[in-house]
Amino acid sequence: MTTDDAALLRQTPLFGTMAPAALDQLASRAVRRSYGRGEVIFREDDTGDFLCVVVVGLVKVYRTSPAGDEMVLVTLGPASVFGELPMVDGGLRSASAAAVDLTTLLTLNRVALLDALQVSPELADRLLRSLGSTIRRLTDQAADLVFLDLHGRVAKLLLALSEDRGTGDANGLTLDLHLTQTDLANMVGGSRQSVNQVLRSFEQLGYLELEGRRIVIRRPNLLLRRAGQSDQ
């Protein structure tokens, strides 16, 4: 699998600029792990001794309250990297991660990453950029919880998901979520019932159509406005 693993690592922003020989060497030290739907990959406060790259499937990264409520921070598809923070600071996991679908991951331990940094010093810049992107995303999420109502947060989430994994044609943007409405609710800080009501109201207004877990976005410009963003 080394050749396939190197090709996958080459697709990631973190490892994509490494020299081919160094990338092949790193890929040879990677380990593939498979997870069933709903299976936990790691938990908050676990020892963070490896980072992950999604090969196939979908992963959610989340925090859990003492009462057991979830707040989904992000969902990640193929070629996404996660779990890198403990590789940098040596601390514990700051969040949990679980497979949403049947998922295969490529994992790299801290020793392999540190050795790669010695061979490819430019990797340090990419690692800092990756952590910076995470901080910006979390800052945006915190601001949305304060400044946007639930309708605005749902609109913004749907637009972000459609940009990341939607497919477009003359009829609109089709988003195959692979997520339940509970998952969506956990991503925007609402209840499943309230998010369902928001989606139904958007459908009635002609913004989108609901087809099970598939959503067809008909009027992205109106969702942009509802998310507090300009459509110009």
C-alpha atoms as a PDB file:
ATOM      1  CA  MET A   1       0.000   0.000   0.000  1.00  0.00           C
ATOM      2  CA  THR A   2       3.034   2.308   0.204  1.00  0.00           C
ATOM      3  CA  THR A   3       2.535   3.728  -3.301  1.00  0.00           C
ATOM      4  CA  ASP A   4      -1.164   4.393  -2.672  1.00  0.00           C
ATOM      5  CA  ASP A   5      -0.378   5.882   0.736  1.00  0.00           C
ATOM      6  CA  ALA A   6       2.231   8.215  -0.730  1.00  0.00           C
ATOM      7  CA  ALA A   7      -0.280   9.333  -3.382  1.00  0.00           C
ATOM      8  CA  LEU A   8      -2.823  10.097  -0.664  1.00  0.00           C
ATOM      9  CA  LEU A   9      -0.311  12.061   1.424  1.00  0.00           C
ATOM     10  CA  ARG A  10       0.606  14.034  -1.696  1.00  0.00           C
ATOM     11  CA  GLN A  11      -3.024  15.230  -1.933  1.00  0.00           C
ATOM     12  CA  THR A  12      -2.955  16.800   1.540  1.00  0.00           C
ATOM     13  CA  PRO A  13      -1.974  20.434   2.180  1.00  0.00           C
ATOM     14  CA  LEU A  14       0.239  19.265   5.047  1.00  0.00           C
ATOM     15  CA  PHE A  15       2.424  16.735   3.218  1.00  0.00           C
ATOM     16  CA  GLY A  16       1.857  17.662  -0.426  1.00  0.00           C
ATOM     17  CA  THR A  17       5.043  19.722  -0.868  1.00  0.00           C
ATOM     18  CA  MET A  18       7.464  17.077   0.415  1.00  0.00           C
ATOM     19  CA  ALA A  19      10.047  15.675  -1.986  1.00  0.00           C
ATOM     20  CA  PRO A  20       8.959  12.340  -3.527  1.00  0.00           C
ATOM     21  CA  ALA A  21      11.671  10.300  -1.782  1.00  0.00           C
ATOM     22  CA  ALA A  22      10.871  11.812   1.618  1.00  0.00           C
ATOM     23  CA  LEU A  23       7.161  11.279   1.042  1.00  0.00           C
ATOM     24  CA  ASP A  24       7.702   7.645   0.106  1.00  0.00           C
ATOM     25  CA  GLN A  25       9.740   7.154   3.256  1.00  0.00           C
ATOM     26  CA  LEU A  26       7.001   8.708   5.381  1.00  0.00           C
ATOM     27  CA  ALA A  27       4.332   6.593   3.673  1.00  0.00           C
ATOM     28  CA  SER A  28       6.284   3.428   4.472  1.00  0.00           C
ATOM     29  CA  ARG A  29       5.855   4.223   8.168  1.00  0.00           C
ATOM     30  CA  ALA A  30       2.118   4.867   7.956  1.00  0.00           C
ATOM     31  CA  VAL A  31      -0.423   2.381   9.304  1.00  0.00           C
ATOM     32  CA  ARG A  32      -3.912   1.858   7.914  1.00  0.00           C
ATOM     33  CA  ARG A  33      -6.777   1.489  10.355  1.00  0.00           C
ATOM     34  CA  SER A  34     -10.443   0.790   9.594  1.00  0.00           C
ATOM     35  CA  TYR A  35     -13.460   1.891  11.639  1.00  0.00           C
ATOM     36  CA  GLY A  36     -17.127   0.972  11.532  1.00  0.00           C
ATOM     37  CA  ARG A  37     -19.967   3.479  11.406  1.00  0.00           C
ATOM     38  CA  GLY A  38     -20.114   5.294  14.755  1.00  0.00           C
ATOM     39  CA  GLU A  39     -16.860   3.793  16.043  1.00  0.00           C
ATOM     40  CA  VAL A  40     -14.718   6.121  18.151  1.00  0.00           C
ATOM     41  CA  ILE A  41     -11.231   6.806  16.788  1.00  0.00           C
ATOM     42  CA  PHE A  42      -9.985   8.631  19.871  1.00  0.00           C
ATOM     43  CA  ARG A  43     -11.506  10.449  22.817  1.00  0.00           C
ATOM     44  CA  GLU A  44     -10.942  13.826  24.387  1.00  0.00           C
ATOM     45  CA  ASP A  45      -8.085  13.644  26.942  1.00  0.00           C
ATOM     46  CA  ASP A  46      -6.610  10.491  25.370  1.00  0.00           C
ATOM     47  CA  THR A  47      -2.870  10.434  24.819  1.00  0.00           C
ATOM     48  CA  GLY A  48      -2.241  11.917  21.383  1.00  0.00           C
ATOM     49  CA  ASP A  49       0.418   9.671  19.873  1.00  0.00           C
ATOM     50  CA  PHE A  50      -0.673   9.710  16.211  1.00  0.00           C
ATOM     51  CA  LEU A  51      -2.271  11.943  13.583  1.00  0.00           C
ATOM     52  CA  CYS A  52      -4.725  10.747  10.971  1.00  0.00           C
ATOM     53  CA  VAL A  53      -5.393  11.170   7.257  1.00  0.00           C
ATOM     54  CA  VAL A  54      -8.792  10.108   5.905  1.00  0.00           C
ATOM     55  CA  VAL A  55      -8.429   7.568   3.096  1.00  0.00           C
ATOM     56  CA  VAL A  56     -12.145   6.875   2.555  1.00  0.00           C
ATOM     57  CA  GLY A  57     -15.225   7.655   4.616  1.00  0.00           C
ATOM     58  CA  LEU A  58     -16.260  10.542   6.824  1.00  0.00           C
ATOM     59  CA  VAL A  59     -15.093  11.556  10.306  1.00  0.00           C
ATOM     60  CA  LYS A  60     -16.610  13.942  12.828  1.00  0.00           C
ATOM     61  CA  VAL A  61     -14.494  15.756  15.413  1.00  0.00           C
ATOM     62  CA  TYR A  62     -16.491  16.793  18.468  1.00  0.00           C
ATOM     63  CA  ARG A  63     -16.536  17.868  22.105  1.00  0.00           C
ATOM     64  CA  THR A  64     -18.833  16.320  24.719  1.00  0.00           C
ATOM     65  CA  SER A  65     -20.389  18.101  27.695  1.00  0.00           C
ATOM     66  CA  PRO A  66     -20.526  16.522  31.179  1.00  0.00           C
ATOM     67  CA  ALA A  67     -24.207  15.802  30.459  1.00  0.00           C
ATOM     68  CA  GLY A  68     -23.274  13.898  27.292  1.00  0.00           C
ATOM     69  CA  ASP A  69     -24.333  16.526  24.746  1.00  0.00           C
ATOM     70  CA  GLU A  70     -22.180  16.790  21.617  1.00  0.00           C
ATOM     71  CA  MET A  71     -20.857  19.811  19.784  1.00  0.00           C
ATOM     72  CA  VAL A  72     -19.512  18.778  16.381  1.00  0.00           C
ATOM     73  CA  LEU A  73     -16.551  20.961  15.482  1.00  0.00           C
ATOM     74  CA  VAL A  74     -15.982  19.700  11.938  1.00  0.00           C
ATOM     75  CA  THR A  75     -16.621  16.798   9.578  1.00  0.00           C
ATOM     76  CA  LEU A  76     -13.747  15.561   7.434  1.00  0.00           C
ATOM     77  CA  GLY A  77     -13.610  13.604   4.186  1.00  0.00           C
ATOM     78  CA  PRO A  78     -10.830  11.970   2.120  1.00  0.00           C
ATOM     79  CA  ALA A  79      -7.343  13.552   2.219  1.00  0.00           C
ATOM     80  CA  SER A  80      -8.210  15.545   5.369  1.00  0.00           C
ATOM     81  CA  VAL A  81      -5.655  15.562   8.194  1.00  0.00           C
ATOM     82  CA  PHE A  82      -6.660  15.697  11.848  1.00  0.00           C
ATOM     83  CA  GLY A  83      -5.302  14.968  15.307  1.00  0.00           C
ATOM     84  CA  GLU A  84      -2.062  16.876  14.721  1.00  0.00           C
ATOM     85  CA  LEU A  85      -2.208  19.207  17.757  1.00  0.00           C
ATOM     86  CA  PRO A  86      -0.759  16.704  20.276  1.00  0.00           C
ATOM     87  CA  MET A  87       2.032  16.022  17.786  1.00  0.00           C
ATOM     88  CA  VAL A  88       3.121  19.625  18.305  1.00  0.00           C
ATOM     89  CA  ASP A  89       2.585  20.294  22.010  1.00  0.00           C
ATOM     90  CA  GLY A  90       2.810  16.750  23.395  1.00  0.00           C
ATOM     91  CA  GLY A  91      -0.502  17.256  25.204  1.00  0.00           C
ATOM     92  CA  LEU A  92      -3.683  15.213  25.387  1.00  0.00           C
ATOM     93  CA  ARG A  93      -6.450  15.138  22.794  1.00  0.00           C
ATOM     94  CA  SER A  94      -8.491  18.347  22.859  1.00  0.00           C
ATOM     95  CA  ALA A  95     -11.512  16.694  21.186  1.00  0.00           C
ATOM     96  CA  SER A  96     -12.936  13.307  20.261  1.00  0.00           C
ATOM     97  CA  ALA A  97     -13.225  11.811  16.775  1.00  0.00           C
ATOM     98  CA  ALA A  98     -15.537   9.124  15.404  1.00  0.00           C
ATOM     99  CA  ALA A  99     -16.333   7.546  12.051  1.00  0.00           C
ATOM    100  CA  VAL A 100     -19.628   8.721  10.557  1.00  0.00           C
ATOM    101  CA  ASP A 101     -19.473   6.123   7.765  1.00  0.00           C
ATOM    102  CA  LEU A 102     -17.288   3.079   7.215  1.00  0.00           C
ATOM    103  CA  THR A 103     -13.912   4.774   7.299  1.00  0.00           C
ATOM    104  CA  THR A 104     -10.274   3.948   6.621  1.00  0.00           C
ATOM    105  CA  LEU A 105      -7.519   6.138   8.021  1.00  0.00           C
ATOM    106  CA  LEU A 106      -3.813   6.438   7.457  1.00  0.00           C
ATOM    107  CA  THR A 107      -2.081   7.050  10.797  1.00  0.00           C
ATOM    108  CA  LEU A 108       1.382   8.437  11.513  1.00  0.00           C
ATOM    109  CA  ASN A 109       2.946   8.417  14.960  1.00  0.00           C
ATOM    110  CA  ARG A 110       4.807  11.339  16.505  1.00  0.00           C
ATOM    111  CA  VAL A 111       8.252   9.823  15.940  1.00  0.00           C
ATOM    112  CA  ALA A 112       7.562   9.446  12.202  1.00  0.00           C
ATOM    113  CA  LEU A 113       6.362  13.051  12.009  1.00  0.00           C
ATOM    114  CA  LEU A 114       9.385  14.418  13.887  1.00  0.00           C
ATOM    115  CA  ASP A 115      11.727  12.452  11.626  1.00  0.00           C
ATOM    116  CA  ALA A 116       9.922  13.879   8.583  1.00  0.00           C
ATOM    117  CA  LEU A 117      10.424  17.391   9.965  1.00  0.00           C
ATOM    118  CA  GLN A 118      14.167  16.752  10.114  1.00  0.00           C
ATOM    119  CA  VAL A 119      14.270  15.626   6.474  1.00  0.00           C
ATOM    120  CA  SER A 120      11.770  18.232   5.208  1.00  0.00           C
ATOM    121  CA  PRO A 121      12.064  21.480   7.208  1.00  0.00           C
ATOM    122  CA  GLU A 122       9.343  23.089   5.035  1.00  0.00           C
ATOM    123  CA  LEU A 123       6.914  20.691   6.699  1.00  0.00           C
ATOM    124  CA  ALA A 124       7.086  22.840   9.848  1.00  0.00           C
ATOM    125  CA  ASP A 125       5.594  25.772   7.943  1.00  0.00           C
ATOM    126  CA  ARG A 126       2.805  23.570   6.610  1.00  0.00           C
ATOM    127  CA  LEU A 127       2.112  22.258  10.100  1.00  0.00           C
ATOM    128  CA  LEU A 128       1.831  25.785  11.474  1.00  0.00           C
ATOM    129  CA  ARG A 129      -0.507  26.724   8.613  1.00  0.00           C
ATOM    130  CA  SER A 130      -2.670  23.692   9.403  1.00  0.00           C
ATOM    131  CA  LEU A 131      -2.940  24.654  13.064  1.00  0.00           C
ATOM    132  CA  GLY A 132      -3.612  28.267  12.095  1.00  0.00           C
ATOM    133  CA  SER A 133      -6.489  27.170   9.842  1.00  0.00           C
ATOM    134  CA  THR A 134      -7.966  25.194  12.725  1.00  0.00           C
ATOM    135  CA  ILE A 135      -7.796  28.212  15.037  1.00  0.00           C
ATOM    136  CA  ARG A 136      -9.458  30.439  12.410  1.00  0.00           C
ATOM    137  CA  ARG A 137     -12.258  27.907  11.911  1.00  0.00           C
ATOM    138  CA  LEU A 138     -12.907  27.632  15.650  1.00  0.00           C
ATOM    139  CA  THR A 139     -12.858  31.423  15.995  1.00  0.00           C
ATOM    140  CA  ASP A 140     -15.432  31.710  13.196  1.00  0.00           C
ATOM    141  CA  GLN A 141     -17.626  29.083  14.870  1.00  0.00           C
ATOM    142  CA  ALA A 142     -17.493  30.910  18.186  1.00  0.00           C
ATOM    143  CA  ALA A 143     -18.441  34.183  16.486  1.00  0.00           C
ATOM    144  CA  ASP A 144     -21.328  32.517  14.631  1.00  0.00           C
ATOM    145  CA  LEU A 145     -22.792  31.234  17.905  1.00  0.00           C
ATOM    146  CA  VAL A 146     -22.848  34.818  19.178  1.00  0.00           C
ATOM    147  CA  PHE A 147     -23.749  36.853  16.097  1.00  0.00           C
ATOM    148  CA  LEU A 148     -25.932  34.556  13.957  1.00  0.00           C
ATOM    149  CA  ASP A 149     -29.344  33.131  14.806  1.00  0.00           C
ATOM    150  CA  LEU A 150     -30.036  29.437  14.179  1.00  0.00           C
ATOM    151  CA  HIS A 151     -31.362  30.065  10.654  1.00  0.00           C
ATOM    152  CA  GLY A 152     -28.160  31.935   9.808  1.00  0.00           C
ATOM    153  CA  ARG A 153     -25.948  29.217  11.263  1.00  0.00           C
ATOM    154  CA  VAL A 154     -27.756  26.466   9.356  1.00  0.00           C
ATOM    155  CA  ALA A 155     -27.560  28.466   6.114  1.00  0.00           C
ATOM    156  CA  LYS A 156     -23.840  29.054   6.572  1.00  0.00           C
ATOM    157  CA  LEU A 157     -23.200  25.386   7.380  1.00  0.00           C
ATOM    158  CA  LEU A 158     -25.086  24.161   4.317  1.00  0.00           C
ATOM    159  CA  LEU A 159     -23.130  26.521   2.071  1.00  0.00           C
ATOM    160  CA  ALA A 160     -19.822  25.409   3.586  1.00  0.00           C
ATOM    161  CA  LEU A 161     -20.693  21.716   3.206  1.00  0.00           C
ATOM    162  CA  SER A 162     -21.856  22.229  -0.393  1.00  0.00           C
ATOM    163  CA  GLU A 163     -18.622  24.024  -1.257  1.00  0.00           C
ATOM    164  CA  ASP A 164     -16.576  21.241   0.321  1.00  0.00           C
ATOM    165  CA  ARG A 165     -18.414  18.180  -0.998  1.00  0.00           C
ATOM    166  CA  GLY A 166     -21.413  19.254  -3.083  1.00  0.00           C
ATOM    167  CA  THR A 167     -21.964  18.536  -6.774  1.00  0.00           C
ATOM    168  CA  GLY A 168     -23.489  21.123  -9.068  1.00  0.00           C
ATOM    169  CA  ASP A 169     -25.580  21.028 -12.225  1.00  0.00           C
ATOM    170  CA  ALA A 170     -28.234  23.139 -13.941  1.00  0.00           C
ATOM    171  CA  ASN A 171     -30.754  22.202 -11.245  1.00  0.00           C
ATOM    172  CA  GLY A 172     -28.656  23.402  -8.322  1.00  0.00           C
ATOM    173  CA  LEU A 173     -26.100  22.162  -5.816  1.00  0.00           C
ATOM    174  CA  THR A 174     -26.688  18.640  -4.521  1.00  0.00           C
ATOM    175  CA  LEU A 175     -25.325  17.818  -1.099  1.00  0.00           C
ATOM    176  CA  ASP A 176     -25.240  14.164  -0.023  1.00  0.00           C
ATOM    177  CA  LEU A 177     -24.802  14.733   3.682  1.00  0.00           C
ATOM    178  CA  HIS A 178     -24.091  11.268   5.119  1.00  0.00           C
ATOM    179  CA  LEU A 179     -25.154  13.058   8.301  1.00  0.00           C
ATOM    180  CA  THR A 180     -28.296  12.889  10.397  1.00  0.00           C
ATOM    181  CA  GLN A 181     -30.228  15.974  11.433  1.00  0.00           C
ATOM    182  CA  THR A 182     -28.902  15.316  14.938  1.00  0.00           C
ATOM    183  CA  ASP A 183     -25.372  15.631  13.531  1.00  0.00           C
ATOM    184  CA  LEU A 184     -26.334  18.888  11.815  1.00  0.00           C
ATOM    185  CA  ALA A 185     -27.881  20.166  15.041  1.00  0.00           C
ATOM    186  CA  ASN A 186     -24.686  19.337  16.927  1.00  0.00           C
ATOM    187  CA  MET A 187     -22.710  21.349  14.374  1.00  0.00           C
ATOM    188  CA  VAL A 188     -24.765  24.527  14.778  1.00  0.00           C
ATOM    189  CA  GLY A 189     -25.601  24.401  18.480  1.00  0.00           C
ATOM    190  CA  GLY A 190     -29.300  23.632  18.102  1.00  0.00           C
ATOM    191  CA  SER A 191     -31.703  20.759  18.732  1.00  0.00           C
ATOM    192  CA  ARG A 192     -32.652  18.204  16.088  1.00  0.00           C
ATOM    193  CA  GLN A 193     -36.239  19.443  16.130  1.00  0.00           C
ATOM    194  CA  SER A 194     -35.271  23.096  15.707  1.00  0.00           C
ATOM    195  CA  VAL A 195     -32.883  22.329  12.833  1.00  0.00           C
ATOM    196  CA  ASN A 196     -35.601  20.269  11.152  1.00  0.00           C
ATOM    197  CA  GLN A 197     -37.913  23.274  11.399  1.00  0.00           C
ATOM    198  CA  VAL A 198     -35.261  25.537   9.889  1.00  0.00           C
ATOM    199  CA  LEU A 199     -34.709  23.145   6.975  1.00  0.00           C
ATOM    200  CA  ARG A 200     -38.452  22.890   6.369  1.00  0.00           C
ATOM    201  CA  SER A 201     -38.786  26.674   6.385  1.00  0.00           C
ATOM    202  CA  PHE A 202     -35.950  26.977   3.845  1.00  0.00           C
ATOM    203  CA  GLU A 203     -37.733  24.390   1.682  1.00  0.00           C
ATOM    204  CA  GLN A 204     -41.008  26.305   1.867  1.00  0.00           C
ATOM    205  CA  LEU A 205     -39.195  29.485   0.826  1.00  0.00           C
ATOM    206  CA  GLY A 206     -37.716  27.705  -2.193  1.00  0.00           C
ATOM    207  CA  TYR A 207     -34.100  27.916  -1.007  1.00  0.00           C
ATOM    208  CA  LEU A 208     -33.633  24.136  -1.158  1.00  0.00           C
ATOM    209  CA  GLU A 209     -35.304  20.747  -1.488  1.00  0.00           C
ATOM    210  CA  LEU A 210     -35.000  17.912   1.029  1.00  0.00           C
ATOM    211  CA  GLU A 211     -34.560  14.370  -0.289  1.00  0.00           C
ATOM    212  CA  GLY A 212     -33.798  12.254   2.770  1.00  0.00           C
ATOM    213  CA  ARG A 213     -30.180  12.961   3.638  1.00  0.00           C
ATOM    214  CA  ARG A 214     -29.684  14.669   0.291  1.00  0.00           C
ATOM    215  CA  ILE A 215     -30.266  18.393   0.005  1.00  0.00           C
ATOM    216  CA  VAL A 216     -30.567  20.216  -3.308  1.00  0.00           C
ATOM    217  CA  ILE A 217     -29.735  23.900  -2.890  1.00  0.00           C
ATOM    218  CA  ARG A 218     -31.793  25.887  -5.395  1.00  0.00           C
ATOM    219  CA  ARG A 219     -31.120  29.470  -4.267  1.00  0.00           C
ATOM    220  CA  PRO A 220     -27.585  29.681  -2.819  1.00  0.00           C
ATOM    221  CA  ASN A 221     -27.679  33.479  -3.136  1.00  0.00           C
ATOM    222  CA  LEU A 222     -30.593  33.640  -0.694  1.00  0.00           C
ATOM    223  CA  LEU A 223     -28.832  31.285   1.713  1.00  0.00           C
ATOM    224  CA  LEU A 224     -25.826  33.609   1.513  1.00  0.00           C
ATOM    225  CA  ARG A 225     -27.987  36.528   2.557  1.00  0.00           C
ATOM    226  CA  ARG A 226     -29.567  34.505   5.377  1.00  0.00           C
ATOM    227  CA  ALA A 227     -26.074  33.618   6.595  1.00  0.00           C
ATOM    228  CA  GLY A 228     -25.257  37.326   6.831  1.00  0.00           C
ATOM    229  CA  GLN A 229     -22.978  37.253   3.796  1.00  0.00           C
ATOM    230  CA  SER A 230     -23.169  39.224   0.564  1.00  0.00           C
ATOM    231  CA  ASP A 231     -24.241  37.445  -2.604  1.00  0.00           C
ATOM    232  CA  GLN A 232     -22.515  40.013  -4.780  1.00  0.00           C
END
